């Protein structure tokens, strides 16, 4: 045999041997399956991220929106189109994280995800005593930025969810960029007994209690920072409180614009919605569990003989629903005739048509806690100051996008709205939107500052009661 032929035989032998060894370690069927799986995943990813999967926002505004800019030439609607690209236009869409494709997953991730290293905010806490003897914890950021009464820096007042606080990730997702990137200030008004604050009276908070936010606004505008333009945002239960306050105050409010996120709007409809399905009842009991944990921390206050609460009934049922908690605690403390009367009388949908400042409402249709039927879409026809944004996905205070490290999308339209409203709204006494910022209000509240201290960087893991699942 010729050397050339020997070489061909030799090469063929080792070539076949190499393929046999390769097939032994990596069977052909396995390789083919892996290639098919990779192709399927690639096609699925492209399908989920296709332009049509980017759920377009549904924005509801009145065509005859009010004139609010300094030149008296631009309406609220035109300002939104010009300065809020995340609300209208090509950028007005939401592509949810592929593995957070339902409202339940978005809500659960917002409750149990680790956000401790994201949107870190340093607060300074002031404990104030209000006329009824109760205490409220106000968390200010950036620290030491509220010492100058003549500082005209715009300030955002924040109301959190059911048993949350300034540490919540949904709060920090707006506060951090607004204060650190755009130079604003922020005040988180923690509800009584929340975020590590002591409860010193038997007056708690509820979804319709607006007395405290009214006192806080007066304190800010008459004592602490009388020259600052105030804006406000509320999340979940705090959204209902804020919307109800704005409706009650109408054109008397000192707030210049506001945002409500995940607002239940109609509390009775929300109760019926939660009790109408199995998962809703699970959420209801989770919310009640967090409220009982809050009550446990302040149990001494409610063990007094004068307390209207049946403490034994409160803790006798570990599977208590939100309705049952409200029947034992909220109804008694608020002196409502019934739990249904509480729900029906404290809903912000009753007064939304009286709001006289630009108000942006944001809700998701797949919110497992808030029924979409309660979103006041038709109210924009009765109130030109109301703008309603509805997304197909997002869950309850979720709206996570991105693949590996999901981040909230909703902070973009919120910040665009706040900055646009602050820039546009005229400051003179001729408009019902405005108030004279140069002179303090004569109604100075009887408020005493008890302490001032730095909190550092609080986060959800440092609180006994945390997570957004409690934020109805």
Protein backbone atom coordinates (compact mmCIF):
# COMPACT_ATOMS: atom_id res chain seq x y z
CA UNK A 1 0.00 0.00 0.00
CA UNK A 2 1.31 3.43 -0.92
CA UNK A 3 2.20 5.91 1.85
CA UNK A 4 -0.56 8.26 0.69
CA UNK A 5 -3.17 5.51 0.93
CA UNK A 6 -1.84 4.51 4.36
CA UNK A 7 -2.23 8.09 5.53
CA UNK A 8 -5.86 8.20 4.35
CA UNK A 9 -6.65 4.96 6.18
CA UNK A 10 -4.89 6.22 9.31
CA UNK A 11 -6.71 9.55 9.23
CA UNK A 12 -10.05 7.85 8.62
CA UNK A 13 -9.53 5.48 11.55
CA UNK A 14 -8.73 8.23 14.04
CA UNK A 15 -11.43 10.46 12.62
CA UNK A 16 -14.06 7.78 13.25
CA UNK A 17 -12.59 7.10 16.68
CA UNK A 18 -12.75 10.77 17.57
CA UNK A 19 -16.38 10.96 16.53
CA UNK A 20 -17.17 7.82 18.53
CA UNK A 21 -15.56 9.33 21.63
CA UNK A 22 -17.37 12.62 21.06
CA UNK A 23 -20.65 10.78 20.66
CA UNK A 24 -19.93 8.84 23.87
CA UNK A 25 -19.44 11.95 25.98
CA UNK A 26 -21.93 14.12 24.09
CA UNK A 27 -24.59 11.88 22.51
CA UNK A 28 -25.91 13.20 19.24
CA UNK A 29 -29.49 13.12 20.52
CA UNK A 30 -28.53 15.28 23.52
CA UNK A 31 -26.79 17.86 21.38
CA UNK A 32 -29.75 18.06 19.03
CA UNK A 33 -32.17 18.45 21.95
CA UNK A 34 -30.06 21.21 23.45
CA UNK A 35 -29.93 23.05 20.14
CA UNK A 36 -33.69 22.75 19.73
CA UNK A 37 -34.26 23.96 23.31
CA UNK A 38 -31.95 26.94 22.79
CA UNK A 39 -33.78 27.82 19.58
CA UNK A 40 -37.16 27.59 21.32
CA UNK A 41 -35.97 29.82 24.17
CA UNK A 42 -34.59 32.34 21.69
CA UNK A 43 -37.87 32.44 19.78
CA UNK A 44 -39.85 32.69 23.03
CA UNK A 45 -37.70 35.59 24.23
CA UNK A 46 -38.13 37.41 20.94
CA UNK A 47 -41.88 36.75 21.13
CA UNK A 48 -42.16 38.17 24.64
CA UNK A 49 -40.06 41.21 23.77
CA UNK A 50 -41.71 41.89 20.42
CA UNK A 51 -43.15 45.41 19.94
CA UNK A 52 -46.73 44.16 20.24
CA UNK A 53 -45.91 42.63 23.64
CA UNK A 54 -44.93 46.05 24.92
CA UNK A 55 -48.23 46.81 26.54
CA UNK A 56 -49.24 50.30 25.54
CA UNK A 57 -50.51 52.58 28.27
CA UNK A 58 -54.13 53.62 28.34
CA UNK A 59 -54.20 57.29 29.34
CA UNK A 60 -57.54 58.97 30.05
CA UNK A 61 -57.75 62.76 30.13
CA UNK A 62 -60.43 65.34 29.50
CA UNK A 63 -60.06 67.02 26.12
CA UNK A 64 -60.97 70.34 27.75
CA UNK A 65 -58.25 70.21 30.40
CA UNK A 66 -57.49 73.33 32.47
CA UNK A 67 -54.84 75.94 31.70
CA UNK A 68 -52.12 75.57 34.32
CA UNK A 69 -48.86 76.97 32.94
CA UNK A 70 -47.27 80.33 33.79
CA UNK A 71 -48.08 81.88 30.41
CA UNK A 72 -51.76 80.88 30.54
CA UNK A 73 -51.36 79.30 27.11
CA UNK A 74 -50.88 75.57 27.72
CA UNK A 75 -53.38 73.12 29.11
CA UNK A 76 -52.70 70.17 31.36
CA UNK A 77 -53.18 67.89 28.37
CA UNK A 78 -50.65 69.74 26.20
CA UNK A 79 -48.07 69.83 29.00
CA UNK A 80 -48.36 66.06 29.40
CA UNK A 81 -47.80 65.56 25.67
CA UNK A 82 -44.79 67.86 25.72
CA UNK A 83 -43.02 66.93 28.96
CA UNK A 84 -44.16 63.40 29.85
CA UNK A 85 -42.89 61.03 27.12
CA UNK A 86 -43.39 58.02 29.39
CA UNK A 87 -47.12 58.78 29.53
CA UNK A 88 -47.74 59.44 25.84
CA UNK A 89 -45.81 58.65 22.69
CA UNK A 90 -43.45 55.84 21.66
CA UNK A 91 -42.06 55.40 25.19
CA UNK A 92 -45.47 54.96 26.80
CA UNK A 93 -45.42 51.20 27.19
CA UNK A 94 -44.52 48.55 29.74
CA UNK A 95 -42.70 45.29 28.98
CA UNK A 96 -42.98 43.18 32.15
CA UNK A 97 -40.19 40.89 33.22
CA UNK A 98 -40.80 37.60 31.31
CA UNK A 99 -40.74 35.49 34.47
CA UNK A 100 -43.04 37.97 36.26
CA UNK A 101 -45.76 37.68 33.66
CA UNK A 102 -48.81 37.85 35.98
CA UNK A 103 -50.13 40.30 38.53
CA UNK A 104 -49.64 37.74 41.29
CA UNK A 105 -45.96 37.24 40.43
CA UNK A 106 -45.37 40.99 40.20
CA UNK A 107 -47.03 41.50 43.59
CA UNK A 108 -45.20 38.63 45.28
CA UNK A 109 -41.84 39.79 43.93
CA UNK A 110 -42.47 43.32 45.18
CA UNK A 111 -43.19 41.87 48.62
CA UNK A 112 -40.33 39.39 48.92
CA UNK A 113 -37.67 40.61 46.49
CA UNK A 114 -34.36 41.87 47.87
CA UNK A 115 -34.15 45.62 47.22
CA UNK A 116 -31.82 46.57 50.08
CA UNK A 117 -29.02 47.69 47.75
CA UNK A 118 -31.29 49.49 45.28
CA UNK A 119 -32.36 53.13 45.61
CA UNK A 120 -30.73 53.68 48.99
CA UNK A 121 -32.01 56.76 50.80
CA UNK A 122 -30.70 58.42 53.95
CA UNK A 123 -33.37 59.95 56.18
CA UNK A 124 -33.57 62.34 59.09
CA UNK A 125 -36.49 61.53 61.40
CA UNK A 126 -38.53 64.12 63.26
CA UNK A 127 -41.07 62.99 65.82
CA UNK A 128 -43.88 65.51 66.17
CA UNK A 129 -46.66 65.60 68.75
CA UNK A 130 -50.08 66.55 67.43
CA UNK A 131 -52.94 68.17 69.41
CA UNK A 132 -54.65 64.87 70.35
CA UNK A 133 -51.46 63.68 72.10
CA UNK A 134 -50.43 61.27 69.37
CA UNK A 135 -47.03 61.16 67.69
CA UNK A 136 -46.16 61.07 64.00
CA UNK A 137 -42.77 60.13 62.56
CA UNK A 138 -41.72 62.28 59.59
CA UNK A 139 -38.70 61.08 57.60
CA UNK A 140 -36.90 63.84 55.66
CA UNK A 141 -34.41 63.45 52.85
CA UNK A 142 -31.80 64.64 52.13
CA UNK A 143 -30.88 65.19 55.81
CA UNK A 144 -30.08 68.75 56.90
CA UNK A 145 -31.90 70.19 53.88
CA UNK A 146 -34.85 71.47 55.89
CA UNK A 147 -33.04 73.88 58.21
CA UNK A 148 -33.53 76.92 55.96
CA UNK A 149 -37.11 78.19 55.99
CA UNK A 150 -36.45 80.32 52.90
CA UNK A 151 -35.42 77.37 50.74
CA UNK A 152 -37.77 77.22 47.69
CA UNK A 153 -36.70 73.70 46.65
CA UNK A 154 -39.74 71.65 45.59
CA UNK A 155 -40.70 69.03 48.16
CA UNK A 156 -42.55 65.75 47.75
CA UNK A 157 -44.82 64.49 50.54
CA UNK A 158 -45.11 60.68 50.51
CA UNK A 159 -47.85 58.48 51.99
CA UNK A 160 -47.02 54.75 52.10
CA UNK A 161 -49.13 51.59 52.06
CA UNK A 162 -51.06 49.78 54.78
CA UNK A 163 -48.32 48.94 57.32
CA UNK A 164 -45.31 50.20 55.38
CA UNK A 165 -43.02 53.17 55.88
CA UNK A 166 -40.17 55.17 54.42
CA UNK A 167 -38.10 51.98 54.09
CA UNK A 168 -40.37 50.42 51.46
CA UNK A 169 -38.81 49.78 48.06
CA UNK A 170 -41.69 51.38 46.18
CA UNK A 171 -41.21 54.57 48.21
CA UNK A 172 -37.45 54.65 47.65
CA UNK A 173 -37.82 53.95 43.91
CA UNK A 174 -39.35 57.42 43.52
CA UNK A 175 -37.66 59.31 46.35
CA UNK A 176 -34.09 58.27 45.49
CA UNK A 177 -33.92 59.54 41.88
CA UNK A 178 -36.08 62.58 42.57
CA UNK A 179 -33.85 63.80 45.42
CA UNK A 180 -30.45 62.54 44.29
CA UNK A 181 -30.68 63.22 40.56
CA UNK A 182 -33.11 66.12 40.27
CA UNK A 183 -32.40 67.99 43.52
CA UNK A 184 -35.82 67.75 45.16
CA UNK A 185 -36.57 67.19 48.83
CA UNK A 186 -38.96 64.60 50.23
CA UNK A 187 -40.91 63.98 53.42
CA UNK A 188 -42.32 60.53 54.14
CA UNK A 189 -45.29 60.84 56.47
CA UNK A 190 -45.31 57.51 58.31
CA UNK A 191 -48.72 56.52 59.59
CA UNK A 192 -49.08 56.33 63.37
CA UNK A 193 -47.21 53.36 64.82
CA UNK A 194 -45.55 52.44 61.50
CA UNK A 195 -41.88 52.26 60.51
CA UNK A 196 -40.68 51.77 64.08
CA UNK A 197 -42.54 54.78 65.50
CA UNK A 198 -44.16 54.57 68.93
CA UNK A 199 -47.92 54.71 69.32
CA UNK A 200 -48.78 57.00 72.23
CA UNK A 201 -52.56 57.23 71.90
CA UNK A 202 -55.43 54.95 70.97
CA UNK A 203 -55.96 56.83 67.74
CA UNK A 204 -54.68 54.75 64.85
CA UNK A 205 -55.00 55.41 61.12
CA UNK A 206 -57.35 54.09 58.46
CA UNK A 207 -57.95 54.38 54.73
CA UNK A 208 -59.95 57.58 55.08
CA UNK A 209 -58.33 59.38 58.03
CA UNK A 210 -57.12 62.70 56.58
CA UNK A 211 -56.60 64.65 59.82
CA UNK A 212 -52.91 63.77 60.12
CA UNK A 213 -51.96 64.63 56.54
CA UNK A 214 -53.83 67.91 56.92
CA UNK A 215 -51.77 68.73 60.03
CA UNK A 216 -48.53 67.69 58.31
CA UNK A 217 -49.21 69.94 55.32
CA UNK A 218 -49.94 72.85 57.67
CA UNK A 219 -46.77 72.13 59.63
CA UNK A 220 -44.64 72.15 56.49
CA UNK A 221 -46.17 75.28 54.97
CA UNK A 222 -46.34 77.40 58.12
CA UNK A 223 -43.40 76.34 60.27
CA UNK A 224 -40.74 74.22 58.59
CA UNK A 225 -40.58 75.28 54.93
CA UNK A 226 -43.19 77.94 54.09
CA UNK A 227 -41.62 78.86 50.74
CA UNK A 228 -41.41 75.38 49.25
CA UNK A 229 -43.83 74.23 46.55
CA UNK A 230 -45.40 71.01 47.80
CA UNK A 231 -46.33 67.98 45.71
CA UNK A 232 -47.59 64.64 47.01
CA UNK A 233 -47.71 60.96 46.17
CA UNK A 234 -49.63 58.15 47.83
CA UNK A 235 -49.29 54.40 47.47
CA UNK A 236 -52.16 51.97 47.97
CA UNK A 237 -53.91 52.83 51.25
CA UNK A 238 -51.90 56.06 51.34
CA UNK A 239 -53.21 56.80 47.85
CA UNK A 240 -56.80 56.63 49.08
CA UNK A 241 -55.95 58.92 52.00
CA UNK A 242 -54.26 61.44 49.69
CA UNK A 243 -57.02 61.43 47.06
CA UNK A 244 -59.67 61.81 49.76
CA UNK A 245 -57.75 64.71 51.33
CA UNK A 246 -57.44 66.48 47.97
CA UNK A 247 -61.14 66.03 47.32
CA UNK A 248 -62.08 67.35 50.75
CA UNK A 249 -59.81 70.37 50.45
CA UNK A 250 -60.70 71.11 46.80
CA UNK A 251 -59.15 74.48 45.84
CA UNK A 252 -58.03 75.16 49.43
CA UNK A 253 -55.23 72.61 49.40
CA UNK A 254 -51.60 73.70 49.56
CA UNK A 255 -50.55 70.76 47.36
CA UNK A 256 -49.75 71.78 43.78
CA UNK A 257 -49.94 68.36 42.09
CA UNK A 258 -50.25 64.75 43.17
CA UNK A 259 -49.91 61.11 42.12
CA UNK A 260 -51.83 58.13 43.50
CA UNK A 261 -50.48 54.64 42.77
CA UNK A 262 -52.47 51.45 43.28
CA UNK A 263 -55.35 53.36 44.86
CA UNK A 264 -58.25 51.05 45.86
CA UNK A 265 -60.64 53.99 45.24
CA UNK A 266 -63.78 52.10 46.32
CA UNK A 267 -63.09 50.27 49.59
CA UNK A 268 -66.32 48.29 49.62
CA UNK A 269 -65.80 47.06 46.05
CA UNK A 270 -62.24 46.17 47.04
CA UNK A 271 -63.52 44.11 49.96
CA UNK A 272 -65.95 42.24 47.72
CA UNK A 273 -63.20 41.70 45.15
CA UNK A 274 -60.84 40.13 47.70
CA UNK A 275 -63.51 37.82 49.08
CA UNK A 276 -64.71 36.73 45.63
CA UNK A 277 -61.87 34.30 44.91
CA UNK A 278 -59.48 31.96 46.69
CA UNK A 279 -56.28 33.94 46.09
CA UNK A 280 -58.03 37.15 47.09
CA UNK A 281 -58.88 35.61 50.44
CA UNK A 282 -55.21 34.63 50.82
CA UNK A 283 -54.18 38.25 50.26
CA UNK A 284 -56.87 39.42 52.68
CA UNK A 285 -55.50 37.22 55.45
CA UNK A 286 -51.92 38.27 54.70
CA UNK A 287 -52.93 41.93 55.05
CA UNK A 288 -54.75 41.22 58.30
CA UNK A 289 -51.74 39.29 59.62
CA UNK A 290 -49.50 42.31 59.06
CA UNK A 291 -52.00 44.56 60.80
CA UNK A 292 -52.15 42.22 63.80
CA UNK A 293 -48.34 42.25 63.93
CA UNK A 294 -48.50 46.03 64.04
CA UNK A 295 -51.05 45.88 66.85
CA UNK A 296 -48.85 43.44 68.77
CA UNK A 297 -46.02 45.97 68.85
CA UNK A 298 -48.37 48.52 70.45
CA UNK A 299 -50.50 46.16 72.50
CA UNK A 300 -49.94 48.03 75.79
CA UNK A 301 -51.81 51.03 74.44
CA UNK A 302 -54.90 48.96 73.62
CA UNK A 303 -54.95 46.86 76.79
CA UNK A 304 -56.23 49.79 78.81
CA UNK A 305 -59.75 49.52 80.19
CA UNK A 306 -60.86 52.51 78.14
CA UNK A 307 -59.92 50.81 74.88
CA UNK A 308 -62.89 50.08 72.58
CA UNK A 309 -61.04 47.12 71.02
CA UNK A 310 -61.75 43.52 72.00
CA UNK A 311 -58.13 42.35 72.22
CA UNK A 312 -59.13 38.73 72.82
CA UNK A 313 -61.25 38.65 69.65
CA UNK A 314 -58.43 40.30 67.72
CA UNK A 315 -55.90 37.55 68.45
CA UNK A 316 -58.18 34.52 68.87
CA UNK A 317 -58.32 33.78 65.13
CA UNK A 318 -54.93 33.41 63.40
CA UNK A 319 -56.64 33.20 59.98
CA UNK A 320 -58.45 36.47 60.35
CA UNK A 321 -59.46 38.30 57.17
CA UNK A 322 -59.02 42.00 56.52
CA UNK A 323 -62.76 42.48 56.90
CA UNK A 324 -62.70 40.78 60.31
CA UNK A 325 -59.79 42.94 61.44
CA UNK A 326 -61.58 46.09 60.33
CA UNK A 327 -64.71 44.91 62.15
CA UNK A 328 -62.79 44.54 65.42
CA UNK A 329 -60.31 47.41 65.23
CA UNK A 330 -60.98 50.01 62.54
CA UNK A 331 -64.72 50.18 63.08
CA UNK A 332 -64.30 50.55 66.84
CA UNK A 333 -61.50 53.13 66.78
CA UNK A 334 -63.15 55.15 64.01
CA UNK A 335 -66.59 54.88 65.63
CA UNK A 336 -68.20 53.70 62.44
CA UNK A 337 -71.66 52.17 62.64
CA UNK A 338 -70.52 49.09 60.75
CA UNK A 339 -67.58 47.84 58.73
CA UNK A 340 -69.60 48.36 55.55
CA UNK A 341 -70.26 51.95 56.63
CA UNK A 342 -66.51 52.46 57.06
CA UNK A 343 -65.78 51.13 53.57
CA UNK A 344 -68.54 53.09 51.88
CA UNK A 345 -67.94 56.41 53.64
CA UNK A 346 -64.15 56.55 53.42
CA UNK A 347 -63.68 55.75 49.73
CA UNK A 348 -61.85 58.43 47.78
CA UNK A 349 -64.03 57.84 44.73
CA UNK A 350 -66.76 59.80 46.54
CA UNK A 351 -64.80 63.06 46.37
CA UNK A 352 -62.53 62.63 43.34
CA UNK A 353 -64.65 65.00 41.27
CA UNK A 354 -63.87 67.78 43.79
CA UNK A 355 -60.08 67.58 43.33
CA UNK A 356 -58.73 70.88 41.98
CA UNK A 357 -55.04 70.12 41.44
CA UNK A 358 -53.52 67.97 38.68
CA UNK A 359 -53.87 64.39 39.90
CA UNK A 360 -52.32 61.40 38.13
CA UNK A 361 -53.84 58.03 39.01
CA UNK A 362 -51.93 54.84 38.13
CA UNK A 363 -53.47 51.36 38.34
CA UNK A 364 -52.80 47.94 36.81
CA UNK A 365 -55.63 45.83 35.44
CA UNK A 366 -54.08 42.64 36.84
CA UNK A 367 -53.74 44.02 40.37
CA UNK A 368 -54.81 41.10 42.61
CA UNK A 369 -55.72 43.41 45.50
CA UNK A 370 -57.46 46.35 43.78
CA UNK A 371 -60.40 45.68 41.50
CA UNK A 372 -60.08 47.40 38.09
CA UNK A 373 -63.80 48.21 38.21
CA UNK A 374 -63.09 50.81 40.89
CA UNK A 375 -60.66 52.86 38.77
CA UNK A 376 -62.48 56.16 38.07
CA UNK A 377 -61.97 56.27 34.30
CA UNK A 378 -65.30 57.97 33.68
CA UNK A 379 -64.54 60.64 36.30
CA UNK A 380 -62.13 62.35 33.91
CA UNK A 381 -65.21 63.58 32.07
CA UNK A 382 -66.42 65.28 35.24
CA UNK A 383 -63.06 66.50 36.53
CA UNK A 384 -60.51 67.88 34.02
CA UNK A 385 -57.79 67.87 36.70
CA UNK A 386 -57.84 64.06 36.86
CA UNK A 387 -55.58 61.99 34.60
CA UNK A 388 -55.95 58.20 34.75
CA UNK A 389 -53.19 55.84 33.59
CA UNK A 390 -54.11 52.16 33.26
CA UNK A 391 -51.62 49.41 32.44
CA UNK A 392 -52.47 45.86 31.42
CA UNK A 393 -49.84 44.36 33.73
CA UNK A 394 -48.02 45.45 36.87
CA UNK A 395 -49.73 43.80 39.83
CA UNK A 396 -50.00 45.69 43.10
CA UNK A 397 -47.18 48.26 43.33
CA UNK A 398 -45.04 46.14 41.03
CA UNK A 399 -44.45 47.15 37.39
CA UNK A 400 -41.13 45.31 37.19
CA UNK A 401 -39.26 45.21 33.89
CA UNK A 402 -35.89 43.79 32.85
CA UNK A 403 -34.72 40.20 32.62
CA UNK A 404 -32.15 39.39 35.32
CA UNK A 405 -32.39 42.34 37.72
CA UNK A 406 -35.95 43.66 37.48
CA UNK A 407 -36.51 47.31 38.30
CA UNK A 408 -39.71 49.28 38.60
CA UNK A 409 -40.79 51.08 35.49
CA UNK A 410 -43.39 53.28 37.11
CA UNK A 411 -40.93 55.78 38.60
CA UNK A 412 -40.27 57.27 35.14
CA UNK A 413 -43.77 58.60 34.40
CA UNK A 414 -44.17 59.65 38.04
CA UNK A 415 -41.02 61.77 38.05
CA UNK A 416 -41.80 63.24 34.63
CA UNK A 417 -45.25 64.23 35.87
CA UNK A 418 -44.00 65.83 39.09
CA UNK A 419 -41.27 67.83 37.36
CA UNK A 420 -43.61 68.97 34.60
CA UNK A 421 -46.29 70.07 37.05
CA UNK A 422 -43.80 71.89 39.26
CA UNK A 423 -42.46 73.79 36.28
CA UNK A 424 -45.80 74.57 34.70
CA UNK A 425 -48.20 75.52 37.46
CA UNK A 426 -48.35 79.25 37.94
CA UNK A 427 -47.85 80.75 41.38
CA UNK A 428 -50.32 83.55 41.94
CA UNK A 429 -53.51 84.07 43.84
CA UNK A 430 -55.65 84.33 40.71
CA UNK A 431 -55.69 80.56 40.16
CA UNK A 432 -57.49 78.06 42.39
CA UNK A 433 -54.48 75.79 41.99
CA UNK A 434 -52.13 78.11 43.79
CA UNK A 435 -51.54 79.72 47.13
CA UNK A 436 -49.46 82.65 48.26
CA UNK A 437 -46.11 81.14 49.15
CA UNK A 438 -44.58 84.30 50.55
CA UNK A 439 -46.78 84.46 53.64
CA UNK A 440 -47.43 81.69 56.16
CA UNK A 441 -50.98 80.50 56.61
CA UNK A 442 -52.67 82.04 59.67
CA UNK A 443 -53.76 78.56 60.77
CA UNK A 444 -50.54 77.54 62.49
CA UNK A 445 -51.02 74.02 63.88
CA UNK A 446 -50.32 73.20 67.51
CA UNK A 447 -47.42 70.85 66.81
CA UNK A 448 -44.38 70.17 68.98
CA UNK A 449 -41.15 68.63 67.67
CA UNK A 450 -40.06 65.98 70.19
CA UNK A 451 -36.86 64.68 68.61
CA UNK A 452 -34.66 64.86 65.52
CA UNK A 453 -32.26 62.06 64.59
CA UNK A 454 -30.64 60.46 61.56
CA UNK A 455 -31.90 57.08 60.39
CA UNK A 456 -29.08 56.27 57.98
CA UNK A 457 -30.18 53.92 55.17
CA UNK A 458 -33.30 52.06 56.38
CA UNK A 459 -34.48 49.10 54.33
CA UNK A 460 -37.32 46.64 54.40
CA UNK A 461 -35.30 43.90 56.08
CA UNK A 462 -34.73 46.08 59.14
CA UNK A 463 -38.44 46.45 59.90
CA UNK A 464 -40.61 44.06 61.83
CA UNK A 465 -43.46 44.58 59.39
CA UNK A 466 -42.32 45.08 55.83
CA UNK A 467 -42.98 44.25 52.22
CA UNK A 468 -45.54 45.66 49.83
CA UNK A 469 -48.07 42.86 50.13
CA UNK A 470 -49.51 44.72 53.10
CA UNK A 471 -50.03 47.90 51.14
CA UNK A 472 -53.75 47.93 50.39
